[in-house]
């Protein structure tokens, strides 16, 4: 059955208000904070000896993203190198005098200096955080030594 429909006047469509195309500073800040957090998490897991695949599964991200956050994996080199900030902290730290008076002598005896530290003393050194301390511990274990046990 057909019905007769009266023509109604066409309503005028108002344009939608324009939105700003620039991202707000708050969303940009959150993204940077998230990426910084993700970079730190990848660094911690790498320092703990996890490979790219396990890190990607742990953080629920792609494996190539893990590689982007740590482009120089330590598994390619036969021996792990200490970061410069860790070496500087150890050469001038509380147990540095065990290695000798000069920086050259101390750098030759770095294993002896590091093995004199406990985990708590290592964390108390300026410029040494959890990631750096983990890297130092793994570096020391590769050389057949370990940190002094806590009391």
N, C-alpha and C. Protein backbone atom coordinates (compact mmCIF):
# COMPACT_ATOMS: atom_id res chain seq x y z
N UNK A 1 0.83 -1.17 0.00
CA UNK A 1 0.00 0.00 0.00
C UNK A 1 0.88 1.24 0.00
N UNK A 2 0.60 2.15 -0.85
CA UNK A 2 1.34 3.38 -0.97
C UNK A 2 0.66 4.48 -0.19
N UNK A 3 1.53 5.36 0.37
CA UNK A 3 0.99 6.49 1.13
C UNK A 3 1.49 7.78 0.51
N UNK A 4 0.70 8.77 0.64
CA UNK A 4 1.08 10.07 0.13
C UNK A 4 1.84 10.81 1.23
N UNK A 5 3.03 11.27 0.91
CA UNK A 5 3.85 11.98 1.88
C UNK A 5 3.97 13.41 1.40
N UNK A 6 3.69 14.32 2.31
CA UNK A 6 3.79 15.74 1.96
C UNK A 6 5.25 16.15 1.99
N UNK A 7 5.61 16.99 1.07
CA UNK A 7 6.97 17.51 1.05
C UNK A 7 7.17 18.44 2.24
N UNK A 8 8.25 18.23 2.95
CA UNK A 8 8.55 19.10 4.08
C UNK A 8 9.69 20.03 3.66
N UNK A 9 9.77 21.18 4.27
CA UNK A 9 10.87 22.09 3.89
C UNK A 9 12.22 21.47 4.27
N UNK A 10 13.20 21.68 3.43
CA UNK A 10 14.53 21.13 3.65
C UNK A 10 15.21 21.92 4.78
N UNK A 11 15.69 21.18 5.76
CA UNK A 11 16.38 21.85 6.86
C UNK A 11 17.77 22.24 6.43
N UNK A 12 18.16 23.38 6.85
CA UNK A 12 19.50 23.85 6.50
C UNK A 12 20.51 23.15 7.39
N UNK A 13 21.54 22.55 6.79
CA UNK A 13 22.55 21.81 7.53
C UNK A 13 23.66 22.77 7.92
N UNK A 14 23.91 22.85 9.21
CA UNK A 14 24.96 23.73 9.70
C UNK A 14 26.29 23.01 9.63
N UNK A 15 27.36 23.71 9.25
CA UNK A 15 28.67 23.05 9.20
C UNK A 15 29.16 22.73 10.62
N UNK A 16 29.89 21.65 10.71
CA UNK A 16 30.46 21.27 12.01
C UNK A 16 31.57 22.24 12.39
N UNK A 17 31.73 22.50 13.67
CA UNK A 17 32.82 23.39 14.06
C UNK A 17 34.16 22.77 13.69
N UNK A 18 35.10 23.61 13.28
CA UNK A 18 36.41 23.11 12.87
C UNK A 18 37.21 22.71 14.09
N UNK A 19 37.90 21.58 13.94
CA UNK A 19 38.76 21.10 15.03
C UNK A 19 40.19 21.47 14.72
N UNK A 20 40.91 21.65 15.74
CA UNK A 20 42.32 21.99 15.58
C UNK A 20 43.07 20.80 15.02
N UNK A 21 43.92 21.03 14.04
CA UNK A 21 44.68 19.94 13.44
C UNK A 21 45.98 19.69 14.19
N UNK A 22 46.42 20.63 15.02
CA UNK A 22 47.64 20.43 15.78
C UNK A 22 47.37 19.56 16.99
N UNK A 23 48.22 18.58 17.25
CA UNK A 23 48.00 17.76 18.44
C UNK A 23 48.23 18.59 19.70
N UNK A 24 47.48 18.27 20.71
CA UNK A 24 47.65 19.02 21.95
C UNK A 24 48.97 18.62 22.60
N UNK A 25 49.49 19.49 23.40
CA UNK A 25 50.76 19.21 24.06
C UNK A 25 50.61 18.05 25.04
N UNK A 26 49.46 17.92 25.62
CA UNK A 26 49.25 16.85 26.60
C UNK A 26 49.36 15.47 25.95
N UNK A 27 48.74 15.28 24.77
CA UNK A 27 48.82 13.98 24.11
C UNK A 27 50.23 13.71 23.61
N UNK A 28 50.92 14.75 23.14
CA UNK A 28 52.29 14.58 22.68
C UNK A 28 53.18 14.20 23.87
N UNK A 29 52.98 14.81 25.01
CA UNK A 29 53.75 14.51 26.21
C UNK A 29 53.52 13.06 26.65
N UNK A 30 52.28 12.60 26.60
CA UNK A 30 51.98 11.23 26.99
C UNK A 30 52.65 10.23 26.07
N UNK A 31 52.71 10.54 24.80
CA UNK A 31 53.35 9.64 23.85
C UNK A 31 54.85 9.56 24.12
N UNK A 32 55.45 10.70 24.35
CA UNK A 32 56.88 10.70 24.65
C UNK A 32 57.16 9.95 25.95
N UNK A 33 56.31 10.14 26.93
CA UNK A 33 56.49 9.46 28.21
C UNK A 33 56.35 7.95 28.05
N UNK A 34 55.38 7.54 27.22
CA UNK A 34 55.19 6.11 26.99
C UNK A 34 56.40 5.51 26.26
N UNK A 35 56.91 6.21 25.24
CA UNK A 35 58.06 5.70 24.50
C UNK A 35 59.31 5.66 25.39
N UNK A 36 59.46 6.63 26.26
CA UNK A 36 60.59 6.62 27.19
C UNK A 36 60.47 5.44 28.15
N UNK A 37 59.25 5.18 28.64
CA UNK A 37 59.02 4.04 29.53
C UNK A 37 59.33 2.74 28.79
N UNK A 38 58.87 2.63 27.55
CA UNK A 38 59.09 1.42 26.76
C UNK A 38 60.58 1.21 26.50
N UNK A 39 61.30 2.28 26.19
CA UNK A 39 62.75 2.19 25.97
C UNK A 39 63.45 1.70 27.23
N UNK A 40 63.03 2.22 28.39
CA UNK A 40 63.63 1.79 29.66
C UNK A 40 63.34 0.32 29.94
N UNK A 41 62.12 -0.12 29.68
CA UNK A 41 61.76 -1.52 29.90
C UNK A 41 62.59 -2.44 29.01
N UNK A 42 62.75 -2.07 27.74
CA UNK A 42 63.55 -2.88 26.83
C UNK A 42 65.00 -2.94 27.32
N UNK A 43 65.53 -1.80 27.78
CA UNK A 43 66.90 -1.77 28.27
C UNK A 43 67.09 -2.66 29.49
N UNK A 44 66.12 -2.64 30.40
CA UNK A 44 66.21 -3.49 31.59
C UNK A 44 66.17 -4.96 31.21
N UNK A 45 65.26 -5.33 30.33
CA UNK A 45 65.14 -6.73 29.93
C UNK A 45 66.36 -7.19 29.14
N UNK A 46 66.96 -6.30 28.34
CA UNK A 46 68.20 -6.65 27.63
C UNK A 46 69.34 -6.84 28.63
N UNK A 47 69.38 -5.97 29.64
CA UNK A 47 70.43 -6.08 30.65
C UNK A 47 70.29 -7.38 31.45
N UNK A 48 69.07 -7.87 31.56
CA UNK A 48 68.85 -9.14 32.26
C UNK A 48 69.17 -10.34 31.37
N UNK A 49 69.53 -10.09 30.11
CA UNK A 49 69.96 -11.18 29.23
C UNK A 49 68.88 -11.76 28.35
N UNK A 50 67.73 -11.13 28.26
CA UNK A 50 66.65 -11.65 27.42
C UNK A 50 66.93 -11.31 25.95
N UNK A 51 66.52 -12.21 25.04
CA UNK A 51 66.70 -11.93 23.62
C UNK A 51 65.50 -11.13 23.10
N UNK A 52 65.59 -10.70 21.83
CA UNK A 52 64.56 -9.84 21.25
C UNK A 52 63.18 -10.48 21.24
N UNK A 53 63.13 -11.77 20.90
CA UNK A 53 61.84 -12.45 20.81
C UNK A 53 61.14 -12.50 22.17
N UNK A 54 61.89 -12.82 23.22
CA UNK A 54 61.29 -12.90 24.56
C UNK A 54 60.85 -11.52 25.06
N UNK A 55 61.64 -10.49 24.74
CA UNK A 55 61.25 -9.13 25.14
C UNK A 55 59.98 -8.71 24.43
N UNK A 56 59.89 -9.00 23.13
CA UNK A 56 58.69 -8.66 22.36
C UNK A 56 57.46 -9.36 22.93
N UNK A 57 57.62 -10.62 23.32
CA UNK A 57 56.49 -11.35 23.90
C UNK A 57 56.14 -10.79 25.27
N UNK A 58 57.14 -10.43 26.05
CA UNK A 58 56.90 -9.91 27.40
C UNK A 58 56.17 -8.57 27.37
N UNK A 59 56.57 -7.69 26.44
CA UNK A 59 55.99 -6.35 26.38
C UNK A 59 54.85 -6.23 25.38
N UNK A 60 54.53 -7.33 24.68
CA UNK A 60 53.46 -7.38 23.70
C UNK A 60 53.67 -6.33 22.59
N UNK A 61 54.89 -6.33 22.04
CA UNK A 61 55.22 -5.46 20.92
C UNK A 61 55.90 -6.30 19.84
N UNK A 62 56.13 -5.71 18.69
CA UNK A 62 56.77 -6.42 17.59
C UNK A 62 58.27 -6.56 17.84
N UNK A 63 58.84 -7.60 17.29
CA UNK A 63 60.27 -7.85 17.48
C UNK A 63 61.13 -6.77 16.85
N UNK A 64 60.69 -6.23 15.71
CA UNK A 64 61.48 -5.16 15.07
C UNK A 64 61.45 -3.87 15.89
N UNK A 65 60.39 -3.67 16.69
CA UNK A 65 60.37 -2.52 17.59
C UNK A 65 61.40 -2.68 18.70
N UNK A 66 61.56 -3.89 19.18
CA UNK A 66 62.59 -4.16 20.19
C UNK A 66 63.96 -3.86 19.63
N UNK A 67 64.20 -4.27 18.39
CA UNK A 67 65.50 -4.00 17.76
C UNK A 67 65.72 -2.50 17.59
N UNK A 68 64.65 -1.75 17.33
CA UNK A 68 64.78 -0.30 17.17
C UNK A 68 65.19 0.36 18.49
N UNK A 69 64.74 -0.19 19.61
CA UNK A 69 65.09 0.39 20.90
C UNK A 69 66.48 -0.01 21.37
N UNK A 70 67.03 -1.09 20.85
CA UNK A 70 68.39 -1.49 21.22
C UNK A 70 69.12 -1.96 19.96
N UNK A 71 69.64 -1.00 19.16
CA UNK A 71 70.23 -1.36 17.88
C UNK A 71 71.54 -2.12 17.96
N UNK A 72 72.24 -2.07 19.09
CA UNK A 72 73.51 -2.76 19.23
C UNK A 72 73.39 -3.86 20.28
N UNK A 73 72.77 -4.99 19.93
CA UNK A 73 72.61 -6.04 20.94
C UNK A 73 73.96 -6.62 21.34
N UNK A 74 74.06 -6.94 22.60
CA UNK A 74 75.33 -7.46 23.12
C UNK A 74 75.60 -8.89 22.67
N UNK A 75 74.57 -9.57 22.10
CA UNK A 75 74.79 -10.94 21.68
C UNK A 75 75.66 -11.02 20.43
N UNK A 76 75.83 -9.91 19.70
CA UNK A 76 76.68 -9.93 18.52
C UNK A 76 78.16 -9.87 18.90
N UNK A 77 78.46 -9.31 20.04
CA UNK A 77 79.86 -9.26 20.46
C UNK A 77 80.12 -10.40 21.42
N UNK A 78 81.35 -10.89 21.41
CA UNK A 78 81.66 -12.03 22.25
C UNK A 78 81.66 -11.66 23.73
N UNK A 79 82.03 -10.43 24.05
CA UNK A 79 82.05 -9.99 25.44
C UNK A 79 81.32 -8.66 25.56
N UNK A 80 80.57 -8.56 26.60
CA UNK A 80 79.80 -7.35 26.87
C UNK A 80 80.73 -6.21 27.27
N UNK A 81 80.44 -5.01 26.80
CA UNK A 81 81.20 -3.83 27.19
C UNK A 81 80.39 -3.03 28.19
N UNK A 82 81.08 -2.44 29.13
CA UNK A 82 80.40 -1.59 30.10
C UNK A 82 80.14 -0.22 29.49
N UNK A 83 78.99 0.39 29.79
CA UNK A 83 78.75 1.75 29.31
C UNK A 83 79.73 2.73 29.96
N UNK A 84 79.98 3.81 29.27
CA UNK A 84 80.95 4.80 29.75
C UNK A 84 80.58 5.34 31.12
N UNK A 85 79.28 5.59 31.36
CA UNK A 85 78.87 6.14 32.66
C UNK A 85 79.17 5.16 33.79
N UNK A 86 79.08 3.86 33.50
CA UNK A 86 79.38 2.85 34.51
C UNK A 86 80.88 2.81 34.80
N UNK A 87 81.68 2.89 33.75
CA UNK A 87 83.12 2.87 33.93
C UNK A 87 83.57 4.09 34.72
N UNK A 88 83.02 5.26 34.37
CA UNK A 88 83.38 6.49 35.09
C UNK A 88 82.99 6.39 36.57
N UNK A 89 81.80 5.87 36.84
CA UNK A 89 81.36 5.74 38.23
C UNK A 89 82.25 4.79 39.01
N UNK A 90 82.69 3.72 38.38
CA UNK A 90 83.52 2.72 39.06
C UNK A 90 84.96 3.20 39.24
N UNK A 91 85.49 3.91 38.25
CA UNK A 91 86.87 4.38 38.35
C UNK A 91 87.04 5.49 39.39
N UNK A 92 85.94 6.14 39.74
CA UNK A 92 86.01 7.23 40.72
C UNK A 92 85.13 6.95 41.94
N UNK A 93 84.68 5.73 42.11
CA UNK A 93 83.77 5.37 43.19
C UNK A 93 84.47 5.07 44.50
N UNK A 94 83.70 4.53 45.43
CA UNK A 94 84.21 4.31 46.79
C UNK A 94 85.29 3.23 46.88
N UNK A 95 85.31 2.27 45.97
CA UNK A 95 86.32 1.20 46.01
C UNK A 95 87.39 1.37 44.92
N UNK A 96 87.45 2.54 44.29
CA UNK A 96 88.39 2.76 43.20
C UNK A 96 89.84 2.69 43.67
N UNK A 97 90.10 3.03 44.91
CA UNK A 97 91.48 3.03 45.41
C UNK A 97 92.08 1.62 45.46
N UNK A 98 91.24 0.59 45.43
CA UNK A 98 91.75 -0.79 45.40
C UNK A 98 92.52 -1.07 44.11
N UNK A 99 92.22 -0.32 43.05
CA UNK A 99 92.87 -0.55 41.77
C UNK A 99 94.17 0.20 41.59
N UNK A 100 94.43 1.18 42.41
CA UNK A 100 95.65 1.96 42.29
C UNK A 100 95.36 3.44 42.33
N UNK A 101 96.43 4.23 42.16
CA UNK A 101 96.29 5.68 42.25
C UNK A 101 95.87 6.32 40.94
N UNK A 102 96.32 5.78 39.83
CA UNK A 102 96.02 6.39 38.53
C UNK A 102 94.81 5.73 37.88
N UNK A 103 94.18 6.48 36.99
CA UNK A 103 93.01 5.96 36.28
C UNK A 103 93.42 4.81 35.37
N UNK A 104 94.61 4.90 34.78
CA UNK A 104 95.08 3.83 33.90
C UNK A 104 95.25 2.52 34.68
N UNK A 105 95.82 2.61 35.85
CA UNK A 105 96.01 1.42 36.69
C UNK A 105 94.66 0.87 37.14
N UNK A 106 93.76 1.77 37.51
CA UNK A 106 92.43 1.35 37.95
C UNK A 106 91.67 0.65 36.83
N UNK A 107 91.80 1.15 35.61
CA UNK A 107 91.07 0.54 34.50
C UNK A 107 91.60 -0.86 34.18
N UNK A 108 92.87 -1.11 34.47
CA UNK A 108 93.41 -2.46 34.28
C UNK A 108 92.89 -3.42 35.34
N UNK A 109 92.56 -2.91 36.49
CA UNK A 109 92.07 -3.75 37.60
C UNK A 109 90.60 -3.50 37.90
N UNK A 110 89.83 -3.25 36.88
CA UNK A 110 88.41 -2.91 37.06
C UNK A 110 87.62 -4.08 37.64
N UNK A 111 87.97 -5.30 37.30
CA UNK A 111 87.25 -6.46 37.83
C UNK A 111 87.42 -6.53 39.35
N UNK A 112 88.62 -6.26 39.84
CA UNK A 112 88.86 -6.26 41.29
C UNK A 112 88.06 -5.17 41.98
N UNK A 113 87.99 -4.00 41.35
CA UNK A 113 87.25 -2.89 41.94
C UNK A 113 85.77 -3.23 42.02
N UNK A 114 85.21 -3.74 40.93
CA UNK A 114 83.78 -4.02 40.89
C UNK A 114 83.41 -5.15 41.84
N UNK A 115 84.26 -6.15 41.95
CA UNK A 115 83.92 -7.28 42.82
C UNK A 115 83.96 -6.91 44.30
N UNK A 116 84.48 -5.74 44.64
CA UNK A 116 84.48 -5.28 46.03
C UNK A 116 83.14 -4.67 46.43
N UNK A 117 82.28 -4.37 45.46
CA UNK A 117 80.99 -3.74 45.73
C UNK A 117 79.94 -4.77 46.13
N UNK A 118 79.00 -4.35 46.97
CA UNK A 118 77.75 -5.10 47.16
C UNK A 118 76.72 -4.46 46.25
N UNK A 119 75.59 -5.10 46.07
CA UNK A 119 74.53 -4.54 45.21
C UNK A 119 74.07 -3.19 45.74
N UNK A 120 73.91 -3.07 47.05
CA UNK A 120 73.44 -1.82 47.65
C UNK A 120 74.46 -0.70 47.45
N UNK A 121 75.75 -1.01 47.61
CA UNK A 121 76.79 0.00 47.40
C UNK A 121 76.83 0.44 45.94
N UNK A 122 76.64 -0.50 45.06
CA UNK A 122 76.64 -0.19 43.63
C UNK A 122 75.47 0.73 43.28
N UNK A 123 74.31 0.46 43.84
CA UNK A 123 73.14 1.30 43.58
C UNK A 123 73.29 2.68 44.21
N UNK A 124 74.11 2.81 45.24
CA UNK A 124 74.31 4.10 45.91
C UNK A 124 75.29 5.01 45.16
N UNK A 125 76.03 4.45 44.19
CA UNK A 125 76.98 5.28 43.44
C UNK A 125 76.22 6.26 42.56
N UNK A 126 76.70 7.50 42.46
CA UNK A 126 76.03 8.47 41.58
C UNK A 126 76.13 8.05 40.12
N UNK A 127 75.03 8.15 39.40
CA UNK A 127 75.00 7.79 37.99
C UNK A 127 74.75 6.31 37.73
N UNK A 128 74.54 5.53 38.78
CA UNK A 128 74.28 4.10 38.61
C UNK A 128 72.85 3.81 39.07
N UNK A 129 72.04 3.33 38.13
CA UNK A 129 70.68 2.94 38.43
C UNK A 129 70.52 1.44 38.28
N UNK A 130 69.30 0.99 38.20
CA UNK A 130 69.01 -0.43 38.12
C UNK A 130 69.58 -1.05 36.83
N UNK A 131 69.39 -0.36 35.71
CA UNK A 131 69.87 -0.89 34.43
C UNK A 131 71.39 -0.97 34.43
N UNK A 132 72.05 0.11 34.85
CA UNK A 132 73.51 0.12 34.85
C UNK A 132 74.07 -0.91 35.82
N UNK A 133 73.45 -1.03 36.99
CA UNK A 133 73.92 -2.02 37.96
C UNK A 133 73.75 -3.44 37.42
N UNK A 134 72.67 -3.70 36.71
CA UNK A 134 72.47 -5.02 36.11
C UNK A 134 73.51 -5.29 35.03
N UNK A 135 73.82 -4.27 34.23
CA UNK A 135 74.85 -4.43 33.20
C UNK A 135 76.20 -4.72 33.84
N UNK A 136 76.51 -4.02 34.93
CA UNK A 136 77.78 -4.24 35.63
C UNK A 136 77.84 -5.65 36.19
N UNK A 137 76.75 -6.11 36.78
CA UNK A 137 76.71 -7.46 37.35
C UNK A 137 76.91 -8.52 36.28
N UNK A 138 76.24 -8.37 35.14
CA UNK A 138 76.40 -9.33 34.04
C UNK A 138 77.81 -9.28 33.46
N UNK A 139 78.38 -8.09 33.33
CA UNK A 139 79.75 -7.93 32.84
C UNK A 139 80.72 -8.65 33.76
N UNK A 140 80.50 -8.52 35.06
CA UNK A 140 81.37 -9.15 36.05
C UNK A 140 81.25 -10.67 36.00
N UNK A 141 80.02 -11.17 35.84
CA UNK A 141 79.81 -12.62 35.76
C UNK A 141 80.46 -13.22 34.52
N UNK A 142 80.50 -12.46 33.40
CA UNK A 142 81.17 -12.95 32.20
C UNK A 142 82.66 -13.13 32.43
N UNK A 143 83.20 -12.42 33.37
CA UNK A 143 84.62 -12.49 33.66
C UNK A 143 84.92 -13.41 34.84
N UNK A 144 83.95 -14.17 35.27
CA UNK A 144 84.15 -15.17 36.30
C UNK A 144 84.19 -14.63 37.72
N UNK A 145 83.67 -13.44 37.94
CA UNK A 145 83.64 -12.87 39.28
C UNK A 145 82.19 -12.50 39.62
N UNK A 146 81.99 -12.04 40.84
CA UNK A 146 80.65 -11.63 41.24
C UNK A 146 80.75 -10.51 42.25
N UNK A 147 79.61 -9.88 42.49
CA UNK A 147 79.57 -8.83 43.51
C UNK A 147 79.71 -9.46 44.89
N UNK A 148 80.20 -8.68 45.81
CA UNK A 148 80.34 -9.15 47.19
C UNK A 148 78.94 -9.34 47.77
N UNK A 149 78.73 -10.41 48.53
CA UNK A 149 77.38 -10.62 49.09
C UNK A 149 77.04 -9.55 50.13
N UNK A 150 75.75 -9.23 50.20
CA UNK A 150 75.28 -8.26 51.19
C UNK A 150 75.37 -8.84 52.58
N UNK A 151 75.55 -7.97 53.53
CA UNK A 151 75.70 -8.43 54.92
C UNK A 151 74.36 -8.64 55.57
